[in-house]
């Protein structure tokens, strides 16, 4: 089982992604409570961290977790110019609000 944590300040993003993730039996959503965030270094190695690119401290999360976990960046639009920079600098994957649900699941499972 792969644990997935969604880091976003926007409730509807967390809820929508959590509902999508729950459709895949091999993925398990962990609520990003302060306790979970503070103990994220103890998550299993195959965990996935989804980071909303609108978070103020997004770079901190990317730098902190991209070496240990699969970090997937999320954007609500196609217009974020910094996406190529983060993808080149880190080992992150990326999807946005226009990515199909099937493709998002594949990304989270490490298939693409």
PDB file of N, CA and C in Angstrom:
ATOM      1  N   UNK A   1       0.838  -1.182   0.000  1.00  0.00           N
ATOM      2  CA  UNK A   1       0.000   0.000   0.000  1.00  0.00           C
ATOM      3  C   UNK A   1       0.882   1.244   0.000  1.00  0.00           C
ATOM      4  N   UNK A   2       0.510   2.191  -0.808  1.00  0.00           N
ATOM      5  CA  UNK A   2       1.226   3.460  -0.910  1.00  0.00           C
ATOM      6  C   UNK A   2       0.436   4.535  -0.171  1.00  0.00           C
ATOM      7  N   UNK A   3       1.106   5.225   0.733  1.00  0.00           N
ATOM      8  CA  UNK A   3       0.479   6.334   1.460  1.00  0.00           C
ATOM      9  C   UNK A   3       0.655   7.615   0.657  1.00  0.00           C
ATOM     10  N   UNK A   4      -0.403   8.421   0.616  1.00  0.00           N
ATOM     11  CA  UNK A   4      -0.385   9.682  -0.121  1.00  0.00           C
ATOM     12  C   UNK A   4      -0.809  10.804   0.824  1.00  0.00           C
ATOM     13  N   UNK A   5      -0.020  11.862   0.853  1.00  0.00           N
ATOM     14  CA  UNK A   5      -0.342  13.047   1.649  1.00  0.00           C
ATOM     15  C   UNK A   5      -0.526  14.204   0.684  1.00  0.00           C
ATOM     16  N   UNK A   6      -1.645  14.916   0.810  1.00  0.00           N
ATOM     17  CA  UNK A   6      -1.934  16.077  -0.034  1.00  0.00           C
ATOM     18  C   UNK A   6      -1.684  17.332   0.791  1.00  0.00           C
ATOM     19  N   UNK A   7      -0.709  18.131   0.375  1.00  0.00           N
ATOM     20  CA  UNK A   7      -0.384  19.373   1.071  1.00  0.00           C
ATOM     21  C   UNK A   7      -0.924  20.548   0.275  1.00  0.00           C
ATOM     22  N   UNK A   8      -1.998  21.134   0.795  1.00  0.00           N
ATOM     23  CA  UNK A   8      -2.625  22.284   0.158  1.00  0.00           C
ATOM     24  C   UNK A   8      -3.391  23.068   1.208  1.00  0.00           C
ATOM     25  N   UNK A   9      -3.426  24.375   1.031  1.00  0.00           N
ATOM     26  CA  UNK A   9      -4.225  25.232   1.913  1.00  0.00           C
ATOM     27  C   UNK A   9      -5.671  25.331   1.442  1.00  0.00           C
ATOM     28  N   UNK A  10      -5.969  24.765   0.294  1.00  0.00           N
ATOM     29  CA  UNK A  10      -7.297  24.873  -0.298  1.00  0.00           C
ATOM     30  C   UNK A  10      -8.076  23.583  -0.032  1.00  0.00           C
ATOM     31  N   UNK A  11      -9.111  23.706   0.768  1.00  0.00           N
ATOM     32  CA  UNK A  11      -9.875  22.540   1.214  1.00  0.00           C
ATOM     33  C   UNK A  11     -10.447  21.731   0.049  1.00  0.00           C
ATOM     34  N   UNK A  12     -11.000  22.386  -0.960  1.00  0.00           N
ATOM     35  CA  UNK A  12     -11.631  21.624  -2.049  1.00  0.00           C
ATOM     36  C   UNK A  12     -10.603  20.845  -2.872  1.00  0.00           C
ATOM     37  N   UNK A  13      -9.371  21.325  -2.932  1.00  0.00           N
ATOM     38  CA  UNK A  13      -8.314  20.569  -3.618  1.00  0.00           C
ATOM     39  C   UNK A  13      -8.001  19.300  -2.836  1.00  0.00           C
ATOM     40  N   UNK A  14      -7.827  19.445  -1.530  1.00  0.00           N
ATOM     41  CA  UNK A  14      -7.544  18.284  -0.680  1.00  0.00           C
ATOM     42  C   UNK A  14      -8.679  17.274  -0.770  1.00  0.00           C
ATOM     43  N   UNK A  15      -9.910  17.755  -0.695  1.00  0.00           N
ATOM     44  CA  UNK A  15     -11.067  16.853  -0.726  1.00  0.00           C
ATOM     45  C   UNK A  15     -11.184  16.152  -2.080  1.00  0.00           C
ATOM     46  N   UNK A  16     -11.065  16.899  -3.159  1.00  0.00           N
ATOM     47  CA  UNK A  16     -11.195  16.307  -4.496  1.00  0.00           C
ATOM     48  C   UNK A  16     -10.102  15.280  -4.765  1.00  0.00           C
ATOM     49  N   UNK A  17      -8.861  15.625  -4.450  1.00  0.00           N
ATOM     50  CA  UNK A  17      -7.772  14.685  -4.681  1.00  0.00           C
ATOM     51  C   UNK A  17      -7.889  13.466  -3.769  1.00  0.00           C
ATOM     52  N   UNK A  18      -8.319  13.682  -2.548  1.00  0.00           N
ATOM     53  CA  UNK A  18      -8.491  12.558  -1.619  1.00  0.00           C
ATOM     54  C   UNK A  18      -9.554  11.588  -2.119  1.00  0.00           C
ATOM     55  N   UNK A  19     -10.659  12.121  -2.622  1.00  0.00           N
ATOM     56  CA  UNK A  19     -11.714  11.252  -3.166  1.00  0.00           C
ATOM     57  C   UNK A  19     -11.216  10.472  -4.380  1.00  0.00           C
ATOM     58  N   UNK A  20     -10.448  11.121  -5.238  1.00  0.00           N
ATOM     59  CA  UNK A  20      -9.886  10.436  -6.400  1.00  0.00           C
ATOM     60  C   UNK A  20      -8.920   9.338  -5.965  1.00  0.00           C
ATOM     61  N   UNK A  21      -8.040   9.645  -5.044  1.00  0.00           N
ATOM     62  CA  UNK A  21      -7.042   8.687  -4.579  1.00  0.00           C
ATOM     63  C   UNK A  21      -7.709   7.455  -3.972  1.00  0.00           C
ATOM     64  N   UNK A  22      -8.806   7.665  -3.271  1.00  0.00           N
ATOM     65  CA  UNK A  22      -9.505   6.554  -2.625  1.00  0.00           C
ATOM     66  C   UNK A  22     -10.133   5.582  -3.616  1.00  0.00           C
ATOM     67  N   UNK A  23     -10.209   5.957  -4.886  1.00  0.00           N
ATOM     68  CA  UNK A  23     -10.766   5.038  -5.884  1.00  0.00           C
ATOM     69  C   UNK A  23      -9.777   3.938  -6.248  1.00  0.00           C
ATOM     70  N   UNK A  24      -8.502   4.127  -5.908  1.00  0.00           N
ATOM     71  CA  UNK A  24      -7.477   3.114  -6.181  1.00  0.00           C
ATOM     72  C   UNK A  24      -7.165   2.372  -4.871  1.00  0.00           C
ATOM     73  N   UNK A  25      -7.499   1.081  -4.797  1.00  0.00           N
ATOM     74  CA  UNK A  25      -7.334   0.336  -3.540  1.00  0.00           C
ATOM     75  C   UNK A  25      -5.898   0.266  -3.015  1.00  0.00           C
ATOM     76  N   UNK A  26      -4.900   0.408  -3.874  1.00  0.00           N
ATOM     77  CA  UNK A  26      -3.518   0.302  -3.406  1.00  0.00           C
ATOM     78  C   UNK A  26      -2.956   1.632  -2.886  1.00  0.00           C
ATOM     79  N   UNK A  27      -3.777   2.694  -2.949  1.00  0.00           N
ATOM     80  CA  UNK A  27      -3.380   3.998  -2.430  1.00  0.00           C
ATOM     81  C   UNK A  27      -4.172   4.313  -1.170  1.00  0.00           C
ATOM     82  N   UNK A  28      -3.509   4.887  -0.179  1.00  0.00           N
ATOM     83  CA  UNK A  28      -4.153   5.249   1.078  1.00  0.00           C
ATOM     84  C   UNK A  28      -3.847   6.714   1.393  1.00  0.00           C
ATOM     85  N   UNK A  29      -4.892   7.507   1.581  1.00  0.00           N
ATOM     86  CA  UNK A  29      -4.737   8.936   1.868  1.00  0.00           C
ATOM     87  C   UNK A  29      -4.504   9.140   3.356  1.00  0.00           C
ATOM     88  N   UNK A  30      -3.478   9.909   3.673  1.00  0.00           N
ATOM     89  CA  UNK A  30      -3.246  10.349   5.045  1.00  0.00           C
ATOM     90  C   UNK A  30      -3.617  11.817   5.131  1.00  0.00           C
ATOM     91  N   UNK A  31      -4.460  12.171   6.080  1.00  0.00           N
ATOM     92  CA  UNK A  31      -4.822  13.574   6.251  1.00  0.00           C
ATOM     93  C   UNK A  31      -3.598  14.357   6.704  1.00  0.00           C
ATOM     94  N   UNK A  32      -3.379  15.503   6.103  1.00  0.00           N
ATOM     95  CA  UNK A  32      -2.204  16.325   6.403  1.00  0.00           C
ATOM     96  C   UNK A  32      -2.429  17.141   7.669  1.00  0.00           C
ATOM     97  N   UNK A  33      -2.624  16.446   8.774  1.00  0.00           N
ATOM     98  CA  UNK A  33      -2.743  17.108  10.069  1.00  0.00           C
ATOM     99  C   UNK A  33      -1.347  17.545  10.517  1.00  0.00           C
ATOM    100  N   UNK A  34      -1.269  18.463  11.469  1.00  0.00           N
ATOM    101  CA  UNK A  34       0.062  18.862  11.960  1.00  0.00           C
ATOM    102  C   UNK A  34       0.894  17.671  12.459  1.00  0.00           C
ATOM    103  N   UNK A  35       0.247  16.690  13.096  1.00  0.00           N
ATOM    104  CA  UNK A  35       0.976  15.512  13.565  1.00  0.00           C
ATOM    105  C   UNK A  35       1.576  14.723  12.405  1.00  0.00           C
ATOM    106  N   UNK A  36       0.800  14.537  11.341  1.00  0.00           N
ATOM    107  CA  UNK A  36       1.299  13.803  10.171  1.00  0.00           C
ATOM    108  C   UNK A  36       2.436  14.578   9.512  1.00  0.00           C
ATOM    109  N   UNK A  37       2.263  15.883   9.351  1.00  0.00           N
ATOM    110  CA  UNK A  37       3.310  16.696   8.718  1.00  0.00           C
ATOM    111  C   UNK A  37       4.595  16.657   9.543  1.00  0.00           C
ATOM    112  N   UNK A  38       4.477  16.746  10.867  1.00  0.00           N
ATOM    113  CA  UNK A  38       5.666  16.729  11.727  1.00  0.00           C
ATOM    114  C   UNK A  38       6.366  15.378  11.736  1.00  0.00           C
ATOM    115  N   UNK A  39       5.640  14.301  11.430  1.00  0.00           N
ATOM    116  CA  UNK A  39       6.257  12.970  11.456  1.00  0.00           C
ATOM    117  C   UNK A  39       6.399  12.375  10.053  1.00  0.00           C
ATOM    118  N   UNK A  40       6.386  13.213   9.029  1.00  0.00           N
ATOM    119  CA  UNK A  40       6.454  12.706   7.658  1.00  0.00           C
ATOM    120  C   UNK A  40       7.762  11.988   7.359  1.00  0.00           C
ATOM    121  N   UNK A  41       8.817  12.295   8.071  1.00  0.00           N
ATOM    122  CA  UNK A  41      10.083  11.589   7.838  1.00  0.00           C
ATOM    123  C   UNK A  41       9.980  10.122   8.239  1.00  0.00           C
ATOM    124  N   UNK A  42       8.911   9.750   8.940  1.00  0.00           N
ATOM    125  CA  UNK A  42       8.717   8.372   9.368  1.00  0.00           C
ATOM    126  C   UNK A  42       7.762   7.595   8.465  1.00  0.00           C
ATOM    127  N   UNK A  43       7.301   8.215   7.383  1.00  0.00           N
ATOM    128  CA  UNK A  43       6.416   7.524   6.448  1.00  0.00           C
ATOM    129  C   UNK A  43       7.199   6.438   5.713  1.00  0.00           C
ATOM    130  N   UNK A  44       6.510   5.405   5.231  1.00  0.00           N
ATOM    131  CA  UNK A  44       7.209   4.395   4.428  1.00  0.00           C
ATOM    132  C   UNK A  44       7.846   5.023   3.194  1.00  0.00           C
ATOM    133  N   UNK A  45       8.935   4.414   2.731  1.00  0.00           N
ATOM    134  CA  UNK A  45       9.692   4.961   1.596  1.00  0.00           C
ATOM    135  C   UNK A  45       8.878   5.094   0.316  1.00  0.00           C
ATOM    136  N   UNK A  46       7.852   4.276   0.144  1.00  0.00           N
ATOM    137  CA  UNK A  46       7.062   4.341  -1.091  1.00  0.00           C
ATOM    138  C   UNK A  46       5.934   5.366  -1.005  1.00  0.00           C
ATOM    139  N   UNK A  47       5.956   6.254  -0.026  1.00  0.00           N
ATOM    140  CA  UNK A  47       4.917   7.270   0.127  1.00  0.00           C
ATOM    141  C   UNK A  47       5.041   8.338  -0.949  1.00  0.00           C
ATOM    142  N   UNK A  48       3.916   9.000  -1.212  1.00  0.00           N
ATOM    143  CA  UNK A  48       3.856  10.071  -2.213  1.00  0.00           C
ATOM    144  C   UNK A  48       3.353  11.334  -1.522  1.00  0.00           C
ATOM    145  N   UNK A  49       4.033  12.438  -1.788  1.00  0.00           N
ATOM    146  CA  UNK A  49       3.633  13.731  -1.240  1.00  0.00           C
ATOM    147  C   UNK A  49       3.176  14.597  -2.412  1.00  0.00           C
ATOM    148  N   UNK A  50       1.907  15.000  -2.402  1.00  0.00           N
ATOM    149  CA  UNK A  50       1.395  15.929  -3.410  1.00  0.00           C
ATOM    150  C   UNK A  50       1.507  17.333  -2.830  1.00  0.00           C
ATOM    151  N   UNK A  51       2.213  18.202  -3.538  1.00  0.00           N
ATOM    152  CA  UNK A  51       2.426  19.566  -3.059  1.00  0.00           C
ATOM    153  C   UNK A  51       1.730  20.538  -3.997  1.00  0.00           C
ATOM    154  N   UNK A  52       0.767  21.265  -3.461  1.00  0.00           N
ATOM    155  CA  UNK A  52       0.083  22.307  -4.223  1.00  0.00           C
ATOM    156  C   UNK A  52       1.078  23.440  -4.480  1.00  0.00           C
ATOM    157  N   UNK A  53       1.241  23.830  -5.722  1.00  0.00           N
ATOM    158  CA  UNK A  53       2.207  24.861  -6.067  1.00  0.00           C
ATOM    159  C   UNK A  53       1.788  26.246  -5.589  1.00  0.00           C
ATOM    160  N   UNK A  54       0.608  26.377  -5.011  1.00  0.00           N
ATOM    161  CA  UNK A  54       0.174  27.658  -4.458  1.00  0.00           C
ATOM    162  C   UNK A  54       0.503  27.804  -2.979  1.00  0.00           C
ATOM    163  N   UNK A  55       1.094  26.773  -2.364  1.00  0.00           N
ATOM    164  CA  UNK A  55       1.512  26.880  -0.967  1.00  0.00           C
ATOM    165  C   UNK A  55       2.650  27.879  -0.842  1.00  0.00           C
ATOM    166  N   UNK A  56       2.605  28.703   0.196  1.00  0.00           N
ATOM    167  CA  UNK A  56       3.679  29.675   0.406  1.00  0.00           C
ATOM    168  C   UNK A  56       5.017  28.992   0.644  1.00  0.00           C
ATOM    169  N   UNK A  57       5.018  27.890   1.403  1.00  0.00           N
ATOM    170  CA  UNK A  57       6.252  27.191   1.742  1.00  0.00           C
ATOM    171  C   UNK A  57       6.477  25.960   0.868  1.00  0.00           C
ATOM    172  N   UNK A  58       5.994  26.018  -0.358  1.00  0.00           N
ATOM    173  CA  UNK A  58       6.094  24.912  -1.302  1.00  0.00           C
ATOM    174  C   UNK A  58       7.541  24.455  -1.483  1.00  0.00           C
ATOM    175  N   UNK A  59       8.462  25.373  -1.680  1.00  0.00           N
ATOM    176  CA  UNK A  59       9.860  25.004  -1.916  1.00  0.00           C
ATOM    177  C   UNK A  59      10.448  24.252  -0.731  1.00  0.00           C
ATOM    178  N   UNK A  60      10.058  24.619   0.472  1.00  0.00           N
ATOM    179  CA  UNK A  60      10.536  23.924   1.662  1.00  0.00           C
ATOM    180  C   UNK A  60      10.132  22.464   1.621  1.00  0.00           C
ATOM    181  N   UNK A  61       8.871  22.196   1.299  1.00  0.00           N
ATOM    182  CA  UNK A  61       8.394  20.813   1.223  1.00  0.00           C
ATOM    183  C   UNK A  61       9.098  20.049   0.107  1.00  0.00           C
ATOM    184  N   UNK A  62       9.276  20.678  -1.034  1.00  0.00           N
ATOM    185  CA  UNK A  62       9.953  20.020  -2.157  1.00  0.00           C
ATOM    186  C   UNK A  62      11.378  19.639  -1.754  1.00  0.00           C
ATOM    187  N   UNK A  63      12.102  20.591  -1.191  1.00  0.00           N
ATOM    188  CA  UNK A  63      13.488  20.336  -0.797  1.00  0.00           C
ATOM    189  C   UNK A  63      13.582  19.297   0.320  1.00  0.00           C
ATOM    190  N   UNK A  64      12.640  19.353   1.242  1.00  0.00           N
ATOM    191  CA  UNK A  64      12.674  18.460   2.392  1.00  0.00           C
ATOM    192  C   UNK A  64      12.358  17.009   2.024  1.00  0.00           C
ATOM    193  N   UNK A  65      11.439  16.803   1.087  1.00  0.00           N
ATOM    194  CA  UNK A  65      10.957  15.448   0.852  1.00  0.00           C
ATOM    195  C   UNK A  65      11.331  14.836  -0.486  1.00  0.00           C
ATOM    196  N   UNK A  66      11.815  15.618  -1.444  1.00  0.00           N
ATOM    197  CA  UNK A  66      12.042  15.059  -2.779  1.00  0.00           C
ATOM    198  C   UNK A  66      13.154  14.019  -2.809  1.00  0.00           C
ATOM    199  N   UNK A  67      14.050  14.019  -1.865  1.00  0.00           N
ATOM    200  CA  UNK A  67      15.094  13.006  -1.846  1.00  0.00           C
ATOM    201  C   UNK A  67      14.635  11.671  -1.287  1.00  0.00           C
ATOM    202  N   UNK A  68      13.618  11.692  -0.444  1.00  0.00           N
ATOM    203  CA  UNK A  68      13.177  10.476   0.242  1.00  0.00           C
ATOM    204  C   UNK A  68      11.899   9.888  -0.354  1.00  0.00           C
ATOM    205  N   UNK A  69      10.974  10.745  -0.760  1.00  0.00           N
ATOM    206  CA  UNK A  69       9.673  10.291  -1.249  1.00  0.00           C
ATOM    207  C   UNK A  69       9.442  10.766  -2.675  1.00  0.00           C
ATOM    208  N   UNK A  70       8.453  10.163  -3.321  1.00  0.00           N
ATOM    209  CA  UNK A  70       8.034  10.694  -4.618  1.00  0.00           C
ATOM    210  C   UNK A  70       7.221  11.945  -4.343  1.00  0.00           C
ATOM    211  N   UNK A  71       7.663  13.055  -4.862  1.00  0.00           N
ATOM    212  CA  UNK A  71       6.949  14.319  -4.704  1.00  0.00           C
ATOM    213  C   UNK A  71       6.286  14.632  -6.039  1.00  0.00           C
ATOM    214  N   UNK A  72       4.995  14.927  -5.960  1.00  0.00           N
ATOM    215  CA  UNK A  72       4.225  15.256  -7.150  1.00  0.00           C
ATOM    216  C   UNK A  72       3.686  16.669  -6.962  1.00  0.00           C
ATOM    217  N   UNK A  73       3.976  17.533  -7.911  1.00  0.00           N
ATOM    218  CA  UNK A  73       3.495  18.914  -7.848  1.00  0.00           C
ATOM    219  C   UNK A  73       2.117  18.999  -8.475  1.00  0.00           C
ATOM    220  N   UNK A  74       1.264  19.829  -7.874  1.00  0.00           N
ATOM    221  CA  UNK A  74      -0.083  20.048  -8.397  1.00  0.00           C
ATOM    222  C   UNK A  74      -0.280  21.532  -8.652  1.00  0.00           C
ATOM    223  N   UNK A  75      -0.901  21.836  -9.777  1.00  0.00           N
ATOM    224  CA  UNK A  75      -1.247  23.211 -10.103  1.00  0.00           C
ATOM    225  C   UNK A  75      -2.690  23.244 -10.590  1.00  0.00           C
ATOM    226  N   UNK A  76      -3.407  24.257 -10.193  1.00  0.00           N
ATOM    227  CA  UNK A  76      -4.781  24.406 -10.633  1.00  0.00           C
ATOM    228  C   UNK A  76      -4.903  24.964 -12.038  1.00  0.00           C
ATOM    229  N   UNK A  77      -3.785  25.371 -12.624  1.00  0.00           N
ATOM    230  CA  UNK A  77      -3.843  25.953 -13.963  1.00  0.00           C
ATOM    231  C   UNK A  77      -2.632  25.530 -14.777  1.00  0.00           C
ATOM    232  N   UNK A  78      -2.616  25.932 -16.009  1.00  0.00           N
ATOM    233  CA  UNK A  78      -1.489  25.668 -16.902  1.00  0.00           C
ATOM    234  C   UNK A  78      -0.497  26.826 -16.910  1.00  0.00           C
ATOM    235  N   UNK A  79      -0.784  27.874 -16.183  1.00  0.00           N
ATOM    236  CA  UNK A  79      -0.062  29.131 -16.341  1.00  0.00           C
ATOM    237  C   UNK A  79       1.100  29.357 -15.383  1.00  0.00           C
ATOM    238  N   UNK A  80       1.501  28.364 -14.627  1.00  0.00           N
ATOM    239  CA  UNK A  80       2.604  28.587 -13.698  1.00  0.00           C
ATOM    240  C   UNK A  80       3.921  28.435 -14.458  1.00  0.00           C
ATOM    241  N   UNK A  81       4.664  29.484 -14.540  1.00  0.00           N
ATOM    242  CA  UNK A  81       5.880  29.514 -15.351  1.00  0.00           C
ATOM    243  C   UNK A  81       7.047  28.765 -14.709  1.00  0.00           C
ATOM    244  N   UNK A  82       7.020  28.577 -13.384  1.00  0.00           N
ATOM    245  CA  UNK A  82       8.138  27.954 -12.685  1.00  0.00           C
ATOM    246  C   UNK A  82       8.135  26.429 -12.762  1.00  0.00           C
ATOM    247  N   UNK A  83       7.113  25.830 -13.331  1.00  0.00           N
ATOM    248  CA  UNK A  83       7.012  24.374 -13.353  1.00  0.00           C
ATOM    249  C   UNK A  83       8.248  23.727 -13.976  1.00  0.00           C
ATOM    250  N   UNK A  84       8.713  24.154 -15.154  1.00  0.00           N
ATOM    251  CA  UNK A  84       9.910  23.512 -15.729  1.00  0.00           C
ATOM    252  C   UNK A  84      11.135  23.599 -14.824  1.00  0.00           C
ATOM    253  N   UNK A  85      11.279  24.692 -14.110  1.00  0.00           N
ATOM    254  CA  UNK A  85      12.419  24.864 -13.212  1.00  0.00           C
ATOM    255  C   UNK A  85      12.397  23.798 -12.124  1.00  0.00           C
ATOM    256  N   UNK A  86      11.234  23.591 -11.495  1.00  0.00           N
ATOM    257  CA  UNK A  86      11.124  22.596 -10.426  1.00  0.00           C
ATOM    258  C   UNK A  86      11.291  21.181 -10.961  1.00  0.00           C
ATOM    259  N   UNK A  87      10.767  20.918 -12.132  1.00  0.00           N
ATOM    260  CA  UNK A  87      10.869  19.579 -12.694  1.00  0.00           C
ATOM    261  C   UNK A  87      12.310  19.242 -13.077  1.00  0.00           C
ATOM    262  N   UNK A  88      13.065  20.232 -13.540  1.00  0.00           N
ATOM    263  CA  UNK A  88      14.468  20.009 -13.898  1.00  0.00           C
ATOM    264  C   UNK A  88      15.358  19.906 -12.665  1.00  0.00           C
ATOM    265  N   UNK A  89      15.052  20.677 -11.652  1.00  0.00           N
ATOM    266  CA  UNK A  89      15.889  20.758 -10.460  1.00  0.00           C
ATOM    267  C   UNK A  89      15.668  19.590  -9.498  1.00  0.00           C
ATOM    268  N   UNK A  90      14.502  19.003  -9.543  1.00  0.00           N
ATOM    269  CA  UNK A  90      14.153  17.933  -8.603  1.00  0.00           C
ATOM    270  C   UNK A  90      13.722  16.703  -9.390  1.00  0.00           C
ATOM    271  N   UNK A  91      13.382  15.684  -8.665  1.00  0.00           N
ATOM    272  CA  UNK A  91      12.897  14.452  -9.275  1.00  0.00           C
ATOM    273  C   UNK A  91      11.367  14.377  -9.154  1.00  0.00           C
ATOM    274  N   UNK A  92      10.711  15.519  -9.249  1.00  0.00           N
ATOM    275  CA  UNK A  92       9.264  15.596  -9.055  1.00  0.00           C
ATOM    276  C   UNK A  92       8.511  15.241 -10.333  1.00  0.00           C
ATOM    277  N   UNK A  93       7.297  14.778 -10.163  1.00  0.00           N
ATOM    278  CA  UNK A  93       6.340  14.615 -11.243  1.00  0.00           C
ATOM    279  C   UNK A  93       5.369  15.788 -11.119  1.00  0.00           C
ATOM    280  N   UNK A  94       4.433  15.893 -12.072  1.00  0.00           N
ATOM    281  CA  UNK A  94       3.533  17.048 -12.092  1.00  0.00           C
ATOM    282  C   UNK A  94       2.199  16.671 -12.723  1.00  0.00           C
ATOM    283  N   UNK A  95       1.123  17.230 -12.185  1.00  0.00           N
ATOM    284  CA  UNK A  95      -0.174  17.202 -12.855  1.00  0.00           C
ATOM    285  C   UNK A  95      -0.912  18.476 -12.503  1.00  0.00           C
ATOM    286  N   UNK A  96      -1.935  18.786 -13.305  1.00  0.00           N
ATOM    287  CA  UNK A  96      -2.731  19.972 -13.018  1.00  0.00           C
ATOM    288  C   UNK A  96      -4.218  19.625 -13.053  1.00  0.00           C
ATOM    289  N   UNK A  97      -5.041  20.638 -12.913  1.00  0.00           N
ATOM    290  CA  UNK A  97      -6.486  20.439 -12.844  1.00  0.00           C
ATOM    291  C   UNK A  97      -7.056  19.849 -14.126  1.00  0.00           C
ATOM    292  N   UNK A  98      -6.303  19.904 -15.216  1.00  0.00           N
ATOM    293  CA  UNK A  98      -6.784  19.405 -16.501  1.00  0.00           C
ATOM    294  C   UNK A  98      -6.293  17.991 -16.812  1.00  0.00           C
ATOM    295  N   UNK A  99      -5.488  17.415 -15.932  1.00  0.00           N
ATOM    296  CA  UNK A  99      -4.985  16.055 -16.124  1.00  0.00           C
ATOM    297  C   UNK A  99      -6.114  15.072 -15.831  1.00  0.00           C
ATOM    298  N   UNK A 100      -6.236  14.045 -16.652  1.00  0.00           N
ATOM    299  CA  UNK A 100      -7.318  13.070 -16.464  1.00  0.00           C
ATOM    300  C   UNK A 100      -7.119  12.294 -15.167  1.00  0.00           C
ATOM    301  N   UNK A 101      -8.205  11.889 -14.527  1.00  0.00           N
ATOM    302  CA  UNK A 101      -8.107  11.098 -13.293  1.00  0.00           C
ATOM    303  C   UNK A 101      -7.263   9.834 -13.470  1.00  0.00           C
ATOM    304  N   UNK A 102      -7.395   9.177 -14.604  1.00  0.00           N
ATOM    305  CA  UNK A 102      -6.621   7.956 -14.856  1.00  0.00           C
ATOM    306  C   UNK A 102      -5.121   8.252 -14.879  1.00  0.00           C
ATOM    307  N   UNK A 103      -4.757   9.365 -15.494  1.00  0.00           N
ATOM    308  CA  UNK A 103      -3.346   9.742 -15.572  1.00  0.00           C
ATOM    309  C   UNK A 103      -2.814  10.136 -14.192  1.00  0.00           C
ATOM    310  N   UNK A 104      -3.620  10.804 -13.390  1.00  0.00           N
ATOM    311  CA  UNK A 104      -3.214  11.180 -12.027  1.00  0.00           C
ATOM    312  C   UNK A 104      -2.909   9.929 -11.216  1.00  0.00           C
ATOM    313  N   UNK A 105      -3.773   8.927 -11.293  1.00  0.00           N
ATOM    314  CA  UNK A 105      -3.552   7.670 -10.570  1.00  0.00           C
ATOM    315  C   UNK A 105      -2.254   7.011 -11.034  1.00  0.00           C
ATOM    316  N   UNK A 106      -2.012   7.000 -12.330  1.00  0.00           N
ATOM    317  CA  UNK A 106      -0.765   6.423 -12.864  1.00  0.00           C
ATOM    318  C   UNK A 106       0.457   7.161 -12.316  1.00  0.00           C
ATOM    319  N   UNK A 107       0.368   8.477 -12.258  1.00  0.00           N
ATOM    320  CA  UNK A 107       1.474   9.288 -11.730  1.00  0.00           C
ATOM    321  C   UNK A 107       1.708   8.932 -10.266  1.00  0.00           C
ATOM    322  N   UNK A 108       0.645   8.859  -9.477  1.00  0.00           N
ATOM    323  CA  UNK A 108       0.774   8.566  -8.053  1.00  0.00           C
ATOM    324  C   UNK A 108       1.313   7.177  -7.790  1.00  0.00           C
ATOM    325  N   UNK A 109       0.989   6.243  -8.662  1.00  0.00           N
ATOM    326  CA  UNK A 109       1.456   4.867  -8.483  1.00  0.00           C
ATOM    327  C   UNK A 109       2.857   4.673  -9.045  1.00  0.00           C
ATOM    328  N   UNK A 110       3.416   5.697  -9.677  1.00  0.00           N
ATOM    329  CA  UNK A 110       4.767   5.618 -10.205  1.00  0.00           C
ATOM    330  C   UNK A 110       4.852   4.947 -11.563  1.00  0.00           C
ATOM    331  N   UNK A 111       3.730   4.839 -12.257  1.00  0.00           N
ATOM    332  CA  UNK A 111       3.708   4.184 -13.569  1.00  0.00           C
ATOM    333  C   UNK A 111       4.215   5.092 -14.692  1.00  0.00           C
ATOM    334  N   UNK A 112       4.193   6.399 -14.473  1.00  0.00           N
ATOM    335  CA  UNK A 112       4.701   7.352 -15.466  1.00  0.00           C
ATOM    336  C   UNK A 112       5.627   8.351 -14.805  1.00  0.00           C
TER     337      UNK A 112
END
